[in-house]
Every structure is written in structure tokens, then in C-alpha cells.
Amino acid sequence: MDVSIISMAACTSCHVKGACSASDMKEKIVQVKPVEGKVYQIGDQVTITIKQSVGTWAVLFGYVFPLIVVVTALILLTNMMENEGIAGLISIAVLIPYYAILYFTRKKMADNFEFKILS
């Protein structure tokens, strides 16, 4: 089941919210596991949950692990090469295979990153 999430800027309670535009809103569509025995109609408001540990893994794969890869590659390459500029470029280029691996394993990872509707 697909659920549309409309994310708005955090300025809805701000006193200058009139200055915010429609560009501050984004629609995201996520696949969720519905509650058995419940029927949902288009337009129904639902609460979607995800385990905190899953969110932690998402942050690790998206930000922490790539940072570790780049810093490690940069340290190793600057010790091995004389040109620091090329070492920096190569250490950034190391992210290409990292994100390619994430891309090709996205379906397997999607099984672990599961959204659910609260009953």
C-alpha cells in the first residue's frame, strides 16, 4: 500500500508563517504494511511508524559510513601520494562504488526498512 506524506517546513507555528511559500512543502510516497483487517480509503489520515533502530541504520549508511570511507581513503592516499589534491579527488571518488553498492542492494535493504501503519 502506498501512502503519501506531505512534509512542510517547521514554520507552521511561527509568527512569520505567511512568508513561507508552497515550495516549503514536499510530497513523499512510501510503501507501508497495512494493518490486517482494516480497510483504508484515499484521503484517510494515518500514522506511520518505523523502528528507531532502522532510522539509526539509515543515518549510518547515508552519512557516517561514507564519511569514514572518505576520511580513511584520504589518510591512506595522502601517506602514499605526494600530490594531496589528487589524493583528495580519489578519496571522494571512492564514494562512487560505495553508493553503487547501496543502489544495487536497495531492494534487499528495503526489506529491512519497513514502514507500518499504527492501528
N, C-alpha and C. Protein backbone atom coordinates (compact mmCIF):
# COMPACT_ATOMS: atom_id res chain seq x y z
N MET A 1 0.84 -1.17 0.00
CA MET A 1 0.00 0.00 0.00
C MET A 1 0.89 1.23 0.00
N ASP A 2 0.60 2.18 -0.85
CA ASP A 2 1.36 3.42 -0.93
C ASP A 2 0.66 4.51 -0.11
N VAL A 3 1.46 5.26 0.64
CA VAL A 3 0.93 6.36 1.44
C VAL A 3 1.68 7.62 1.05
N SER A 4 0.94 8.69 0.87
CA SER A 4 1.53 9.98 0.53
C SER A 4 1.75 10.78 1.81
N ILE A 5 2.96 11.28 1.98
CA ILE A 5 3.30 12.10 3.14
C ILE A 5 3.61 13.50 2.63
N ILE A 6 2.95 14.48 3.21
CA ILE A 6 3.24 15.87 2.83
C ILE A 6 4.07 16.46 3.96
N SER A 7 5.32 16.75 3.66
CA SER A 7 6.20 17.32 4.67
C SER A 7 6.27 18.83 4.44
N MET A 8 6.06 19.55 5.54
CA MET A 8 6.07 21.01 5.46
C MET A 8 7.22 21.53 6.31
N ALA A 9 7.63 22.73 6.02
CA ALA A 9 8.67 23.38 6.82
C ALA A 9 8.16 23.55 8.24
N ALA A 10 9.06 23.65 9.16
CA ALA A 10 8.69 23.74 10.58
C ALA A 10 8.16 25.10 10.96
N CYS A 11 7.79 25.91 10.01
CA CYS A 11 7.36 27.27 10.33
C CYS A 11 5.85 27.40 10.48
N THR A 12 5.12 26.29 10.54
CA THR A 12 3.66 26.39 10.62
C THR A 12 3.21 27.06 11.91
N SER A 13 3.99 26.96 12.98
CA SER A 13 3.61 27.61 14.23
C SER A 13 4.35 28.94 14.43
N CYS A 14 5.15 29.31 13.46
CA CYS A 14 5.96 30.53 13.57
C CYS A 14 5.09 31.77 13.32
N HIS A 15 5.47 32.89 13.89
CA HIS A 15 4.70 34.12 13.72
C HIS A 15 4.89 34.74 12.33
N VAL A 16 5.86 34.30 11.56
CA VAL A 16 6.06 34.81 10.20
C VAL A 16 5.73 33.73 9.17
N LYS A 17 4.78 32.84 9.50
CA LYS A 17 4.48 31.74 8.60
C LYS A 17 3.90 32.22 7.27
N GLY A 18 3.40 33.45 7.22
CA GLY A 18 2.89 33.99 5.97
C GLY A 18 3.98 34.17 4.93
N ALA A 19 5.22 34.22 5.37
CA ALA A 19 6.33 34.39 4.45
C ALA A 19 6.72 33.08 3.78
N CYS A 20 6.26 31.96 4.32
CA CYS A 20 6.58 30.66 3.74
C CYS A 20 5.75 30.44 2.48
N SER A 21 6.33 29.77 1.52
CA SER A 21 5.63 29.55 0.26
C SER A 21 5.29 28.08 0.09
N ALA A 22 4.60 27.78 -0.98
CA ALA A 22 4.24 26.39 -1.27
C ALA A 22 5.47 25.55 -1.58
N SER A 23 6.58 26.20 -1.90
CA SER A 23 7.80 25.45 -2.18
C SER A 23 8.38 24.82 -0.92
N ASP A 24 7.87 25.24 0.25
CA ASP A 24 8.32 24.65 1.51
C ASP A 24 7.65 23.31 1.78
N MET A 25 6.72 22.90 0.91
CA MET A 25 6.02 21.64 1.09
C MET A 25 6.52 20.64 0.06
N LYS A 26 6.72 19.39 0.50
CA LYS A 26 7.16 18.33 -0.40
C LYS A 26 6.29 17.11 -0.16
N GLU A 27 5.95 16.42 -1.23
CA GLU A 27 5.18 15.19 -1.12
C GLU A 27 6.10 14.01 -1.31
N LYS A 28 6.01 13.06 -0.39
CA LYS A 28 6.80 11.83 -0.46
C LYS A 28 5.84 10.66 -0.44
N ILE A 29 6.15 9.65 -1.20
CA ILE A 29 5.31 8.45 -1.22
C ILE A 29 6.13 7.30 -0.68
N VAL A 30 5.60 6.63 0.35
CA VAL A 30 6.27 5.49 0.96
C VAL A 30 5.36 4.29 0.90
N GLN A 31 5.96 3.12 0.83
CA GLN A 31 5.19 1.89 0.87
C GLN A 31 5.11 1.43 2.31
N VAL A 32 3.90 1.12 2.77
CA VAL A 32 3.71 0.71 4.14
C VAL A 32 3.01 -0.64 4.19
N LYS A 33 3.17 -1.29 5.33
CA LYS A 33 2.49 -2.56 5.57
C LYS A 33 1.20 -2.22 6.30
N PRO A 34 0.03 -2.50 5.68
CA PRO A 34 -1.22 -2.14 6.35
C PRO A 34 -1.56 -3.11 7.48
N VAL A 35 -2.42 -2.65 8.38
CA VAL A 35 -2.90 -3.49 9.47
C VAL A 35 -3.93 -4.46 8.89
N GLU A 36 -3.79 -5.73 9.23
CA GLU A 36 -4.71 -6.74 8.70
C GLU A 36 -6.12 -6.48 9.22
N GLY A 37 -7.08 -6.65 8.34
CA GLY A 37 -8.48 -6.49 8.72
C GLY A 37 -8.98 -5.07 8.63
N LYS A 38 -8.13 -4.12 8.37
CA LYS A 38 -8.56 -2.71 8.25
C LYS A 38 -8.61 -2.32 6.79
N VAL A 39 -9.59 -1.51 6.46
CA VAL A 39 -9.75 -1.02 5.09
C VAL A 39 -9.48 0.48 5.11
N TYR A 40 -8.66 0.93 4.20
CA TYR A 40 -8.30 2.34 4.12
C TYR A 40 -8.81 2.91 2.81
N GLN A 41 -9.26 4.15 2.87
CA GLN A 41 -9.74 4.86 1.70
C GLN A 41 -8.78 6.00 1.38
N ILE A 42 -8.80 6.44 0.14
CA ILE A 42 -7.99 7.59 -0.26
C ILE A 42 -8.46 8.80 0.53
N GLY A 43 -7.51 9.50 1.13
CA GLY A 43 -7.82 10.68 1.93
C GLY A 43 -7.84 10.41 3.42
N ASP A 44 -7.84 9.13 3.83
CA ASP A 44 -7.79 8.80 5.26
C ASP A 44 -6.46 9.26 5.84
N GLN A 45 -6.49 9.80 7.04
CA GLN A 45 -5.26 10.17 7.72
C GLN A 45 -4.80 8.99 8.56
N VAL A 46 -3.55 8.65 8.43
CA VAL A 46 -2.97 7.52 9.16
C VAL A 46 -1.68 7.96 9.82
N THR A 47 -1.27 7.22 10.83
CA THR A 47 0.01 7.46 11.50
C THR A 47 0.97 6.36 11.08
N ILE A 48 2.12 6.76 10.57
CA ILE A 48 3.11 5.81 10.07
C ILE A 48 4.26 5.75 11.06
N THR A 49 4.73 4.54 11.33
CA THR A 49 5.84 4.36 12.25
C THR A 49 6.97 3.58 11.59
N ILE A 50 8.14 3.73 12.16
CA ILE A 50 9.30 2.95 11.77
C ILE A 50 10.14 2.78 13.04
N LYS A 51 10.78 1.65 13.18
CA LYS A 51 11.59 1.40 14.37
C LYS A 51 12.74 2.40 14.42
N GLN A 52 13.08 2.84 15.61
CA GLN A 52 14.18 3.79 15.77
C GLN A 52 15.49 3.19 15.30
N SER A 53 15.69 1.90 15.53
CA SER A 53 16.94 1.27 15.11
C SER A 53 17.09 1.30 13.59
N VAL A 54 15.97 1.22 12.88
CA VAL A 54 16.02 1.29 11.41
C VAL A 54 16.45 2.69 10.97
N GLY A 55 15.94 3.70 11.66
CA GLY A 55 16.36 5.07 11.35
C GLY A 55 17.83 5.28 11.63
N THR A 56 18.31 4.66 12.69
CA THR A 56 19.74 4.77 13.02
C THR A 56 20.59 4.15 11.92
N TRP A 57 20.16 2.97 11.44
CA TRP A 57 20.90 2.33 10.34
C TRP A 57 20.88 3.19 9.08
N ALA A 58 19.75 3.84 8.82
CA ALA A 58 19.67 4.71 7.64
C ALA A 58 20.67 5.86 7.74
N VAL A 59 20.80 6.45 8.92
CA VAL A 59 21.77 7.54 9.12
C VAL A 59 23.19 7.00 8.97
N LEU A 60 23.44 5.81 9.52
CA LEU A 60 24.78 5.24 9.40
C LEU A 60 25.14 4.99 7.94
N PHE A 61 24.26 4.36 7.18
CA PHE A 61 24.55 4.07 5.77
C PHE A 61 24.61 5.33 4.92
N GLY A 62 23.82 6.33 5.26
CA GLY A 62 23.77 7.54 4.44
C GLY A 62 24.84 8.56 4.74
N TYR A 63 25.28 8.63 6.00
CA TYR A 63 26.19 9.71 6.38
C TYR A 63 27.48 9.23 7.07
N VAL A 64 27.35 8.39 8.06
CA VAL A 64 28.51 8.03 8.88
C VAL A 64 29.49 7.14 8.12
N PHE A 65 29.00 6.03 7.53
CA PHE A 65 29.89 5.13 6.80
C PHE A 65 30.58 5.82 5.62
N PRO A 66 29.87 6.65 4.82
CA PRO A 66 30.60 7.35 3.75
C PRO A 66 31.68 8.30 4.28
N LEU A 67 31.41 8.95 5.41
CA LEU A 67 32.42 9.82 6.00
C LEU A 67 33.64 9.02 6.42
N ILE A 68 33.42 7.88 7.03
CA ILE A 68 34.54 7.02 7.44
C ILE A 68 35.33 6.56 6.22
N VAL A 69 34.63 6.19 5.15
CA VAL A 69 35.31 5.74 3.92
C VAL A 69 36.17 6.85 3.34
N VAL A 70 35.62 8.07 3.26
CA VAL A 70 36.36 9.19 2.66
C VAL A 70 37.57 9.56 3.52
N VAL A 71 37.37 9.65 4.82
CA VAL A 71 38.48 10.05 5.70
C VAL A 71 39.58 8.98 5.69
N THR A 72 39.19 7.71 5.74
CA THR A 72 40.18 6.64 5.70
C THR A 72 40.96 6.66 4.38
N ALA A 73 40.23 6.79 3.27
CA ALA A 73 40.90 6.85 1.96
C ALA A 73 41.81 8.06 1.88
N LEU A 74 41.38 9.19 2.41
CA LEU A 74 42.21 10.41 2.37
C LEU A 74 43.49 10.24 3.18
N ILE A 75 43.38 9.65 4.36
CA ILE A 75 44.57 9.44 5.19
C ILE A 75 45.54 8.50 4.49
N LEU A 76 45.03 7.39 3.98
CA LEU A 76 45.89 6.42 3.30
C LEU A 76 46.53 7.00 2.05
N LEU A 77 45.74 7.71 1.25
CA LEU A 77 46.27 8.23 -0.02
C LEU A 77 47.25 9.38 0.18
N THR A 78 47.02 10.22 1.19
CA THR A 78 47.99 11.31 1.41
C THR A 78 49.32 10.77 1.91
N ASN A 79 49.30 9.62 2.58
CA ASN A 79 50.55 8.99 3.00
C ASN A 79 51.25 8.29 1.84
N MET A 80 50.48 7.85 0.85
CA MET A 80 51.06 7.10 -0.27
C MET A 80 51.44 8.00 -1.46
N MET A 81 50.75 9.15 -1.59
CA MET A 81 50.98 10.01 -2.76
C MET A 81 51.59 11.33 -2.32
N GLU A 82 52.25 11.97 -3.26
CA GLU A 82 52.83 13.28 -2.96
C GLU A 82 51.85 14.41 -3.26
N ASN A 83 50.97 14.21 -4.23
CA ASN A 83 50.01 15.25 -4.62
C ASN A 83 48.74 15.11 -3.78
N GLU A 84 48.54 16.04 -2.85
CA GLU A 84 47.39 15.96 -1.96
C GLU A 84 46.08 16.24 -2.68
N GLY A 85 46.10 17.06 -3.72
CA GLY A 85 44.89 17.36 -4.48
C GLY A 85 44.32 16.12 -5.16
N ILE A 86 45.19 15.36 -5.79
CA ILE A 86 44.75 14.13 -6.45
C ILE A 86 44.30 13.11 -5.39
N ALA A 87 44.98 13.06 -4.26
CA ALA A 87 44.57 12.16 -3.19
C ALA A 87 43.18 12.51 -2.69
N GLY A 88 42.89 13.80 -2.59
CA GLY A 88 41.56 14.25 -2.17
C GLY A 88 40.49 13.87 -3.18
N LEU A 89 40.79 14.07 -4.46
CA LEU A 89 39.83 13.71 -5.51
C LEU A 89 39.56 12.21 -5.55
N ILE A 90 40.61 11.42 -5.41
CA ILE A 90 40.44 9.96 -5.42
C ILE A 90 39.65 9.51 -4.19
N SER A 91 39.90 10.14 -3.04
CA SER A 91 39.17 9.74 -1.83
C SER A 91 37.68 10.08 -1.95
N ILE A 92 37.36 11.15 -2.65
CA ILE A 92 35.94 11.46 -2.91
C ILE A 92 35.38 10.49 -3.94
N ALA A 93 36.17 10.12 -4.94
CA ALA A 93 35.72 9.19 -5.97
C ALA A 93 35.47 7.79 -5.42
N VAL A 94 36.06 7.50 -4.25
CA VAL A 94 35.81 6.20 -3.62
C VAL A 94 34.33 6.05 -3.24
N LEU A 95 33.63 7.17 -3.11
CA LEU A 95 32.21 7.11 -2.79
C LEU A 95 31.37 6.56 -3.94
N ILE A 96 31.87 6.63 -5.16
CA ILE A 96 31.10 6.12 -6.30
C ILE A 96 30.80 4.63 -6.14
N PRO A 97 31.80 3.78 -5.89
CA PRO A 97 31.44 2.37 -5.67
C PRO A 97 30.62 2.15 -4.41
N TYR A 98 30.84 2.96 -3.37
CA TYR A 98 30.06 2.81 -2.14
C TYR A 98 28.58 3.01 -2.44
N TYR A 99 28.24 4.13 -3.09
CA TYR A 99 26.83 4.40 -3.38
C TYR A 99 26.29 3.47 -4.47
N ALA A 100 27.15 2.97 -5.36
CA ALA A 100 26.71 1.99 -6.35
C ALA A 100 26.30 0.69 -5.65
N ILE A 101 27.06 0.28 -4.66
CA ILE A 101 26.70 -0.91 -3.90
C ILE A 101 25.37 -0.70 -3.17
N LEU A 102 25.20 0.47 -2.57
CA LEU A 102 23.92 0.77 -1.91
C LEU A 102 22.77 0.74 -2.92
N TYR A 103 23.01 1.27 -4.10
CA TYR A 103 21.96 1.30 -5.13
C TYR A 103 21.57 -0.11 -5.56
N PHE A 104 22.55 -0.97 -5.79
CA PHE A 104 22.26 -2.32 -6.28
C PHE A 104 21.70 -3.23 -5.18
N THR A 105 21.89 -2.88 -3.92
CA THR A 105 21.33 -3.68 -2.83
C THR A 105 20.10 -3.01 -2.22
N ARG A 106 19.53 -2.04 -2.91
CA ARG A 106 18.41 -1.28 -2.36
C ARG A 106 17.18 -2.15 -2.09
N LYS A 107 16.92 -3.14 -2.94
CA LYS A 107 15.74 -3.98 -2.73
C LYS A 107 15.90 -4.86 -1.50
N LYS A 108 17.11 -5.37 -1.30
CA LYS A 108 17.36 -6.17 -0.11
C LYS A 108 17.29 -5.31 1.14
N MET A 109 17.81 -4.10 1.05
CA MET A 109 17.77 -3.20 2.20
C MET A 109 16.36 -2.71 2.47
N ALA A 110 15.54 -2.58 1.43
CA ALA A 110 14.17 -2.11 1.61
C ALA A 110 13.36 -3.09 2.45
N ASP A 111 13.72 -4.36 2.44
CA ASP A 111 13.03 -5.33 3.27
C ASP A 111 13.25 -5.05 4.75
N ASN A 112 14.38 -4.48 5.10
CA ASN A 112 14.69 -4.15 6.49
C ASN A 112 14.15 -2.79 6.91
N PHE A 113 13.97 -1.88 5.95
CA PHE A 113 13.48 -0.54 6.23
C PHE A 113 11.97 -0.52 5.94
N GLU A 114 11.19 -0.98 6.90
CA GLU A 114 9.77 -1.18 6.68
C GLU A 114 8.95 -0.19 7.50
N PHE A 115 8.06 0.53 6.81
CA PHE A 115 7.13 1.44 7.46
C PHE A 115 5.86 0.66 7.79
N LYS A 116 5.21 1.01 8.90
CA LYS A 116 3.96 0.35 9.30
C LYS A 116 2.94 1.41 9.68
N ILE A 117 1.67 1.07 9.50
CA ILE A 117 0.59 1.94 9.93
C ILE A 117 0.20 1.53 11.33
N LEU A 118 0.09 2.52 12.22
CA LEU A 118 -0.37 2.23 13.58
C LEU A 118 -1.85 1.88 13.54
N SER A 119 -2.25 0.92 14.32
CA SER A 119 -3.68 0.54 14.35
C SER A 119 -4.48 1.46 15.22
